[in-house]
Amino acid sequence: MHTSYVGGRWQDTNGAEARDVSPSDHDDTVALIRQATAATVDDAVVEARKAQPAWARSSPQLRADLLEGVAARILVDADDLH
């Protein structure tokens, strides 16, 4: 079950409603996730606001490199992600 990653750590979302994720085929479950609680969303907003100034100061090249790294990792793990 996937949980929420906020502020560099996985957050426990016990008690939150679980649901299937199937973007295109209602018979094909891609993931089982817990919906974030209101408190988790509040934490995510706080963490995003703290991170934004450093992100804005970073160069476009650095941001592109980081995002390309994430994309590469997704491709490497693609078979395990569905």
PDB file of N, CA and C in Angstrom:
ATOM      1  N   MET A   1       0.856  -1.170   0.000  1.00  0.00           N
ATOM      2  CA  MET A   1       0.000   0.000   0.000  1.00  0.00           C
ATOM      3  C   MET A   1       0.902   1.233   0.000  1.00  0.00           C
ATOM      4  N   HIS A   2       0.651   2.129  -0.909  1.00  0.00           N
ATOM      5  CA  HIS A   2       1.436   3.361  -0.993  1.00  0.00           C
ATOM      6  C   HIS A   2       0.919   4.386   0.015  1.00  0.00           C
ATOM      7  N   THR A   3       1.850   5.080   0.642  1.00  0.00           N
ATOM      8  CA  THR A   3       1.499   6.129   1.586  1.00  0.00           C
ATOM      9  C   THR A   3       2.006   7.455   1.041  1.00  0.00           C
ATOM     10  N   SER A   4       2.034   8.480   1.866  1.00  0.00           N
ATOM     11  CA  SER A   4       2.429   9.807   1.414  1.00  0.00           C
ATOM     12  C   SER A   4       3.882  10.099   1.760  1.00  0.00           C
ATOM     13  N   TYR A   5       4.615  10.636   0.791  1.00  0.00           N
ATOM     14  CA  TYR A   5       6.013  11.036   0.990  1.00  0.00           C
ATOM     15  C   TYR A   5       6.026  12.550   1.116  1.00  0.00           C
ATOM     16  N   VAL A   6       6.290  13.043   2.316  1.00  0.00           N
ATOM     17  CA  VAL A   6       6.207  14.477   2.599  1.00  0.00           C
ATOM     18  C   VAL A   6       7.444  14.900   3.381  1.00  0.00           C
ATOM     19  N   GLY A   7       8.094  15.943   2.914  1.00  0.00           N
ATOM     20  CA  GLY A   7       9.228  16.482   3.649  1.00  0.00           C
ATOM     21  C   GLY A   7      10.394  15.518   3.769  1.00  0.00           C
ATOM     22  N   GLY A   8      10.572  14.666   2.762  1.00  0.00           N
ATOM     23  CA  GLY A   8      11.685  13.737   2.762  1.00  0.00           C
ATOM     24  C   GLY A   8      11.470  12.477   3.575  1.00  0.00           C
ATOM     25  N   ARG A   9      10.233  12.217   3.951  1.00  0.00           N
ATOM     26  CA  ARG A   9       9.967  11.004   4.724  1.00  0.00           C
ATOM     27  C   ARG A   9       8.565  10.481   4.406  1.00  0.00           C
ATOM     28  N   TRP A  10       8.402   9.173   4.582  1.00  0.00           N
ATOM     29  CA  TRP A  10       7.094   8.554   4.388  1.00  0.00           C
ATOM     30  C   TRP A  10       6.242   8.850   5.601  1.00  0.00           C
ATOM     31  N   GLN A  11       5.014   9.278   5.373  1.00  0.00           N
ATOM     32  CA  GLN A  11       4.100   9.583   6.466  1.00  0.00           C
ATOM     33  C   GLN A  11       3.044   8.502   6.581  1.00  0.00           C
ATOM     34  N   ASP A  12       2.803   8.099   7.796  1.00  0.00           N
ATOM     35  CA  ASP A  12       1.772   7.114   8.084  1.00  0.00           C
ATOM     36  C   ASP A  12       0.413   7.766   7.881  1.00  0.00           C
ATOM     37  N   THR A  13      -0.430   7.133   7.107  1.00  0.00           N
ATOM     38  CA  THR A  13      -1.777   7.657   6.868  1.00  0.00           C
ATOM     39  C   THR A  13      -2.827   6.678   7.376  1.00  0.00           C
ATOM     40  N   ASN A  14      -2.523   6.050   8.505  1.00  0.00           N
ATOM     41  CA  ASN A  14      -3.484   5.115   9.099  1.00  0.00           C
ATOM     42  C   ASN A  14      -4.821   5.797   9.285  1.00  0.00           C
ATOM     43  N   GLY A  15      -5.846   5.086   8.995  1.00  0.00           N
ATOM     44  CA  GLY A  15      -7.183   5.629   9.148  1.00  0.00           C
ATOM     45  C   GLY A  15      -7.705   6.288   7.891  1.00  0.00           C
ATOM     46  N   ALA A  16      -6.787   6.614   6.962  1.00  0.00           N
ATOM     47  CA  ALA A  16      -7.238   7.233   5.723  1.00  0.00           C
ATOM     48  C   ALA A  16      -7.859   6.160   4.829  1.00  0.00           C
ATOM     49  N   GLU A  17      -8.787   6.568   4.014  1.00  0.00           N
ATOM     50  CA  GLU A  17      -9.473   5.642   3.118  1.00  0.00           C
ATOM     51  C   GLU A  17      -8.509   5.106   2.064  1.00  0.00           C
ATOM     52  N   ALA A  18      -8.556   3.813   1.820  1.00  0.00           N
ATOM     53  CA  ALA A  18      -7.751   3.191   0.771  1.00  0.00           C
ATOM     54  C   ALA A  18      -8.588   3.092  -0.496  1.00  0.00           C
ATOM     55  N   ARG A  19      -7.918   3.223  -1.638  1.00  0.00           N
ATOM     56  CA  ARG A  19      -8.650   3.081  -2.893  1.00  0.00           C
ATOM     57  C   ARG A  19      -7.727   2.568  -3.982  1.00  0.00           C
ATOM     58  N   ASP A  20      -8.325   1.941  -4.985  1.00  0.00           N
ATOM     59  CA  ASP A  20      -7.598   1.453  -6.151  1.00  0.00           C
ATOM     60  C   ASP A  20      -7.355   2.615  -7.108  1.00  0.00           C
ATOM     61  N   VAL A  21      -6.240   2.543  -7.809  1.00  0.00           N
ATOM     62  CA  VAL A  21      -5.952   3.518  -8.849  1.00  0.00           C
ATOM     63  C   VAL A  21      -5.916   2.776 -10.173  1.00  0.00           C
ATOM     64  N   SER A  22      -6.801   3.153 -11.063  1.00  0.00           N
ATOM     65  CA  SER A  22      -6.847   2.554 -12.395  1.00  0.00           C
ATOM     66  C   SER A  22      -7.250   3.643 -13.378  1.00  0.00           C
ATOM     67  N   PRO A  23      -6.276   4.363 -13.928  1.00  0.00           N
ATOM     68  CA  PRO A  23      -6.587   5.534 -14.727  1.00  0.00           C
ATOM     69  C   PRO A  23      -7.367   5.274 -16.007  1.00  0.00           C
ATOM     70  N   SER A  24      -7.191   4.100 -16.608  1.00  0.00           N
ATOM     71  CA  SER A  24      -7.850   3.916 -17.899  1.00  0.00           C
ATOM     72  C   SER A  24      -8.793   2.725 -17.948  1.00  0.00           C
ATOM     73  N   ASP A  25      -8.532   1.728 -17.153  1.00  0.00           N
ATOM     74  CA  ASP A  25      -9.328   0.500 -17.207  1.00  0.00           C
ATOM     75  C   ASP A  25      -9.821   0.192 -15.799  1.00  0.00           C
ATOM     76  N   HIS A  26     -11.093   0.286 -15.587  1.00  0.00           N
ATOM     77  CA  HIS A  26     -11.648   0.094 -14.249  1.00  0.00           C
ATOM     78  C   HIS A  26     -11.458  -1.328 -13.722  1.00  0.00           C
ATOM     79  N   ASP A  27     -11.101  -2.258 -14.596  1.00  0.00           N
ATOM     80  CA  ASP A  27     -10.861  -3.631 -14.160  1.00  0.00           C
ATOM     81  C   ASP A  27      -9.382  -3.906 -13.896  1.00  0.00           C
ATOM     82  N   ASP A  28      -8.525  -2.937 -14.179  1.00  0.00           N
ATOM     83  CA  ASP A  28      -7.077  -3.111 -14.039  1.00  0.00           C
ATOM     84  C   ASP A  28      -6.558  -2.163 -12.961  1.00  0.00           C
ATOM     85  N   THR A  29      -6.281  -2.686 -11.785  1.00  0.00           N
ATOM     86  CA  THR A  29      -5.769  -1.863 -10.691  1.00  0.00           C
ATOM     87  C   THR A  29      -4.277  -1.651 -10.879  1.00  0.00           C
ATOM     88  N   VAL A  30      -3.857  -0.408 -10.905  1.00  0.00           N
ATOM     89  CA  VAL A  30      -2.453  -0.056 -11.066  1.00  0.00           C
ATOM     90  C   VAL A  30      -1.777   0.022  -9.704  1.00  0.00           C
ATOM     91  N   ALA A  31      -2.501   0.522  -8.703  1.00  0.00           N
ATOM     92  CA  ALA A  31      -1.927   0.660  -7.362  1.00  0.00           C
ATOM     93  C   ALA A  31      -3.055   0.725  -6.347  1.00  0.00           C
ATOM     94  N   LEU A  32      -2.723   0.394  -5.124  1.00  0.00           N
ATOM     95  CA  LEU A  32      -3.638   0.579  -4.003  1.00  0.00           C
ATOM     96  C   LEU A  32      -3.002   1.649  -3.131  1.00  0.00           C
ATOM     97  N   ILE A  33      -3.695   2.746  -2.974  1.00  0.00           N
ATOM     98  CA  ILE A  33      -3.139   3.883  -2.236  1.00  0.00           C
ATOM     99  C   ILE A  33      -4.045   4.258  -1.074  1.00  0.00           C
ATOM    100  N   ARG A  34      -3.473   4.935  -0.113  1.00  0.00           N
ATOM    101  CA  ARG A  34      -4.268   5.567   0.937  1.00  0.00           C
ATOM    102  C   ARG A  34      -4.403   7.023   0.581  1.00  0.00           C
ATOM    103  N   GLN A  35      -5.609   7.515   0.593  1.00  0.00           N
ATOM    104  CA  GLN A  35      -5.810   8.935   0.365  1.00  0.00           C
ATOM    105  C   GLN A  35      -5.188   9.697   1.530  1.00  0.00           C
ATOM    106  N   ALA A  36      -4.604  10.828   1.233  1.00  0.00           N
ATOM    107  CA  ALA A  36      -3.989  11.647   2.276  1.00  0.00           C
ATOM    108  C   ALA A  36      -5.069  12.219   3.182  1.00  0.00           C
ATOM    109  N   THR A  37      -4.754  12.286   4.458  1.00  0.00           N
ATOM    110  CA  THR A  37      -5.656  12.944   5.389  1.00  0.00           C
ATOM    111  C   THR A  37      -5.470  14.457   5.259  1.00  0.00           C
ATOM    112  N   ALA A  38      -6.367  15.220   5.817  1.00  0.00           N
ATOM    113  CA  ALA A  38      -6.236  16.680   5.796  1.00  0.00           C
ATOM    114  C   ALA A  38      -4.931  17.106   6.470  1.00  0.00           C
ATOM    115  N   ALA A  39      -4.547  16.432   7.539  1.00  0.00           N
ATOM    116  CA  ALA A  39      -3.305  16.764   8.237  1.00  0.00           C
ATOM    117  C   ALA A  39      -2.090  16.498   7.353  1.00  0.00           C
ATOM    118  N   THR A  40      -2.123  15.414   6.583  1.00  0.00           N
ATOM    119  CA  THR A  40      -1.016  15.104   5.678  1.00  0.00           C
ATOM    120  C   THR A  40      -0.912  16.161   4.580  1.00  0.00           C
ATOM    121  N   VAL A  41      -2.039  16.583   4.054  1.00  0.00           N
ATOM    122  CA  VAL A  41      -2.035  17.634   3.028  1.00  0.00           C
ATOM    123  C   VAL A  41      -1.489  18.929   3.624  1.00  0.00           C
ATOM    124  N   ASP A  42      -1.906  19.266   4.830  1.00  0.00           N
ATOM    125  CA  ASP A  42      -1.385  20.468   5.492  1.00  0.00           C
ATOM    126  C   ASP A  42       0.127  20.378   5.653  1.00  0.00           C
ATOM    127  N   ASP A  43       0.633  19.218   6.069  1.00  0.00           N
ATOM    128  CA  ASP A  43       2.079  19.013   6.203  1.00  0.00           C
ATOM    129  C   ASP A  43       2.777  19.184   4.857  1.00  0.00           C
ATOM    130  N   ALA A  44       2.183  18.647   3.802  1.00  0.00           N
ATOM    131  CA  ALA A  44       2.781  18.745   2.472  1.00  0.00           C
ATOM    132  C   ALA A  44       2.874  20.194   2.012  1.00  0.00           C
ATOM    133  N   VAL A  45       1.853  20.979   2.287  1.00  0.00           N
ATOM    134  CA  VAL A  45       1.864  22.396   1.908  1.00  0.00           C
ATOM    135  C   VAL A  45       2.961  23.138   2.670  1.00  0.00           C
ATOM    136  N   VAL A  46       3.086  22.877   3.961  1.00  0.00           N
ATOM    137  CA  VAL A  46       4.136  23.510   4.767  1.00  0.00           C
ATOM    138  C   VAL A  46       5.508  23.148   4.214  1.00  0.00           C
ATOM    139  N   GLU A  47       5.739  21.868   3.936  1.00  0.00           N
ATOM    140  CA  GLU A  47       7.034  21.420   3.428  1.00  0.00           C
ATOM    141  C   GLU A  47       7.319  21.999   2.041  1.00  0.00           C
ATOM    142  N   ALA A  48       6.314  22.071   1.200  1.00  0.00           N
ATOM    143  CA  ALA A  48       6.497  22.638  -0.140  1.00  0.00           C
ATOM    144  C   ALA A  48       6.868  24.118  -0.055  1.00  0.00           C
ATOM    145  N   ARG A  49       6.219  24.829   0.840  1.00  0.00           N
ATOM    146  CA  ARG A  49       6.546  26.258   1.010  1.00  0.00           C
ATOM    147  C   ARG A  49       7.966  26.448   1.535  1.00  0.00           C
ATOM    148  N   LYS A  50       8.416  25.532   2.392  1.00  0.00           N
ATOM    149  CA  LYS A  50       9.789  25.619   2.900  1.00  0.00           C
ATOM    150  C   LYS A  50      10.802  25.318   1.794  1.00  0.00           C
ATOM    151  N   ALA A  51      10.474  24.391   0.912  1.00  0.00           N
ATOM    152  CA  ALA A  51      11.404  23.976  -0.139  1.00  0.00           C
ATOM    153  C   ALA A  51      11.432  24.936  -1.328  1.00  0.00           C
ATOM    154  N   GLN A  52      10.369  25.671  -1.547  1.00  0.00           N
ATOM    155  CA  GLN A  52      10.249  26.480  -2.757  1.00  0.00           C
ATOM    156  C   GLN A  52      11.355  27.517  -2.930  1.00  0.00           C
ATOM    157  N   PRO A  53      11.777  28.280  -1.908  1.00  0.00           N
ATOM    158  CA  PRO A  53      12.822  29.277  -2.142  1.00  0.00           C
ATOM    159  C   PRO A  53      14.126  28.668  -2.677  1.00  0.00           C
ATOM    160  N   ALA A  54      14.552  27.550  -2.129  1.00  0.00           N
ATOM    161  CA  ALA A  54      15.776  26.908  -2.608  1.00  0.00           C
ATOM    162  C   ALA A  54      15.595  26.403  -4.041  1.00  0.00           C
ATOM    163  N   TRP A  55      14.421  25.858  -4.331  1.00  0.00           N
ATOM    164  CA  TRP A  55      14.123  25.379  -5.685  1.00  0.00           C
ATOM    165  C   TRP A  55      14.169  26.540  -6.669  1.00  0.00           C
ATOM    166  N   ALA A  56      13.594  27.674  -6.286  1.00  0.00           N
ATOM    167  CA  ALA A  56      13.570  28.853  -7.162  1.00  0.00           C
ATOM    168  C   ALA A  56      14.977  29.402  -7.398  1.00  0.00           C
ATOM    169  N   ARG A  57      15.849  29.284  -6.406  1.00  0.00           N
ATOM    170  CA  ARG A  57      17.229  29.780  -6.549  1.00  0.00           C
ATOM    171  C   ARG A  57      18.100  28.841  -7.380  1.00  0.00           C
ATOM    172  N   SER A  58      17.688  27.598  -7.511  1.00  0.00           N
ATOM    173  CA  SER A  58      18.504  26.640  -8.271  1.00  0.00           C
ATOM    174  C   SER A  58      18.397  26.943  -9.762  1.00  0.00           C
ATOM    175  N   SER A  59      19.417  26.552 -10.482  1.00  0.00           N
ATOM    176  CA  SER A  59      19.440  26.836 -11.919  1.00  0.00           C
ATOM    177  C   SER A  59      18.440  25.967 -12.666  1.00  0.00           C
ATOM    178  N   PRO A  60      17.974  26.448 -13.808  1.00  0.00           N
ATOM    179  CA  PRO A  60      17.096  25.612 -14.627  1.00  0.00           C
ATOM    180  C   PRO A  60      17.761  24.290 -14.994  1.00  0.00           C
ATOM    181  N   GLN A  61      19.079  24.312 -15.215  1.00  0.00           N
ATOM    182  CA  GLN A  61      19.779  23.073 -15.565  1.00  0.00           C
ATOM    183  C   GLN A  61      19.739  22.074 -14.412  1.00  0.00           C
ATOM    184  N   LEU A  62      19.964  22.547 -13.191  1.00  0.00           N
ATOM    185  CA  LEU A  62      19.906  21.664 -12.029  1.00  0.00           C
ATOM    186  C   LEU A  62      18.517  21.064 -11.875  1.00  0.00           C
ATOM    187  N   ARG A  63      17.490  21.894 -12.017  1.00  0.00           N
ATOM    188  CA  ARG A  63      16.118  21.388 -11.901  1.00  0.00           C
ATOM    189  C   ARG A  63      15.834  20.352 -12.981  1.00  0.00           C
ATOM    190  N   ALA A  64      16.281  20.635 -14.210  1.00  0.00           N
ATOM    191  CA  ALA A  64      16.073  19.685 -15.307  1.00  0.00           C
ATOM    192  C   ALA A  64      16.804  18.376 -15.016  1.00  0.00           C
ATOM    193  N   ASP A  65      18.050  18.476 -14.531  1.00  0.00           N
ATOM    194  CA  ASP A  65      18.821  17.270 -14.216  1.00  0.00           C
ATOM    195  C   ASP A  65      18.122  16.428 -13.144  1.00  0.00           C
ATOM    196  N   LEU A  66      17.607  17.090 -12.116  1.00  0.00           N
ATOM    197  CA  LEU A  66      16.908  16.366 -11.047  1.00  0.00           C
ATOM    198  C   LEU A  66      15.665  15.663 -11.572  1.00  0.00           C
ATOM    199  N   LEU A  67      14.887  16.378 -12.371  1.00  0.00           N
ATOM    200  CA  LEU A  67      13.661  15.781 -12.912  1.00  0.00           C
ATOM    201  C   LEU A  67      13.967  14.659 -13.902  1.00  0.00           C
ATOM    202  N   GLU A  68      15.022  14.810 -14.677  1.00  0.00           N
ATOM    203  CA  GLU A  68      15.419  13.731 -15.584  1.00  0.00           C
ATOM    204  C   GLU A  68      15.884  12.508 -14.794  1.00  0.00           C
ATOM    205  N   GLY A  69      16.533  12.741 -13.656  1.00  0.00           N
ATOM    206  CA  GLY A  69      16.932  11.633 -12.796  1.00  0.00           C
ATOM    207  C   GLY A  69      15.733  10.877 -12.252  1.00  0.00           C
ATOM    208  N   VAL A  70      14.715  11.612 -11.869  1.00  0.00           N
ATOM    209  CA  VAL A  70      13.480  10.969 -11.391  1.00  0.00           C
ATOM    210  C   VAL A  70      12.850  10.160 -12.522  1.00  0.00           C
ATOM    211  N   ALA A  71      12.794  10.749 -13.711  1.00  0.00           N
ATOM    212  CA  ALA A  71      12.210  10.043 -14.859  1.00  0.00           C
ATOM    213  C   ALA A  71      12.995   8.771 -15.177  1.00  0.00           C
ATOM    214  N   ALA A  72      14.310   8.855 -15.102  1.00  0.00           N
ATOM    215  CA  ALA A  72      15.137   7.674 -15.375  1.00  0.00           C
ATOM    216  C   ALA A  72      14.869   6.581 -14.352  1.00  0.00           C
ATOM    217  N   ARG A  73      14.713   6.966 -13.108  1.00  0.00           N
ATOM    218  CA  ARG A  73      14.434   5.974 -12.050  1.00  0.00           C
ATOM    219  C   ARG A  73      13.076   5.318 -12.264  1.00  0.00           C
ATOM    220  N   ILE A  74      12.110   6.111 -12.681  1.00  0.00           N
ATOM    221  CA  ILE A  74      10.783   5.550 -12.975  1.00  0.00           C
ATOM    222  C   ILE A  74      10.897   4.514 -14.088  1.00  0.00           C
ATOM    223  N   LEU A  75      11.655   4.845 -15.144  1.00  0.00           N
ATOM    224  CA  LEU A  75      11.809   3.895 -16.245  1.00  0.00           C
ATOM    225  C   LEU A  75      12.501   2.622 -15.807  1.00  0.00           C
ATOM    226  N   VAL A  76      13.515   2.724 -14.947  1.00  0.00           N
ATOM    227  CA  VAL A  76      14.225   1.553 -14.451  1.00  0.00           C
ATOM    228  C   VAL A  76      13.270   0.656 -13.658  1.00  0.00           C
ATOM    229  N   ASP A  77      12.407   1.288 -12.859  1.00  0.00           N
ATOM    230  CA  ASP A  77      11.506   0.535 -11.982  1.00  0.00           C
ATOM    231  C   ASP A  77      10.112   0.315 -12.590  1.00  0.00           C
ATOM    232  N   ALA A  78       9.955   0.625 -13.872  1.00  0.00           N
ATOM    233  CA  ALA A  78       8.631   0.604 -14.481  1.00  0.00           C
ATOM    234  C   ALA A  78       7.896  -0.718 -14.302  1.00  0.00           C
ATOM    235  N   ASP A  79       8.607  -1.830 -14.450  1.00  0.00           N
ATOM    236  CA  ASP A  79       7.940  -3.126 -14.304  1.00  0.00           C
ATOM    237  C   ASP A  79       7.409  -3.368 -12.892  1.00  0.00           C
ATOM    238  N   ASP A  80       8.070  -2.781 -11.912  1.00  0.00           N
ATOM    239  CA  ASP A  80       7.633  -2.945 -10.523  1.00  0.00           C
ATOM    240  C   ASP A  80       6.588  -1.929 -10.110  1.00  0.00           C
ATOM    241  N   LEU A  81       6.332  -0.934 -10.934  1.00  0.00           N
ATOM    242  CA  LEU A  81       5.421   0.141 -10.568  1.00  0.00           C
ATOM    243  C   LEU A  81       3.984  -0.123 -10.977  1.00  0.00           C
ATOM    244  N   HIS A  82       3.734  -1.208 -11.613  1.00  0.00           N
ATOM    245  CA  HIS A  82       2.325  -1.474 -11.971  1.00  0.00           C
ATOM    246  C   HIS A  82       1.834  -2.746 -11.369  1.00  0.00           C
TER     247      HIS A  82
END
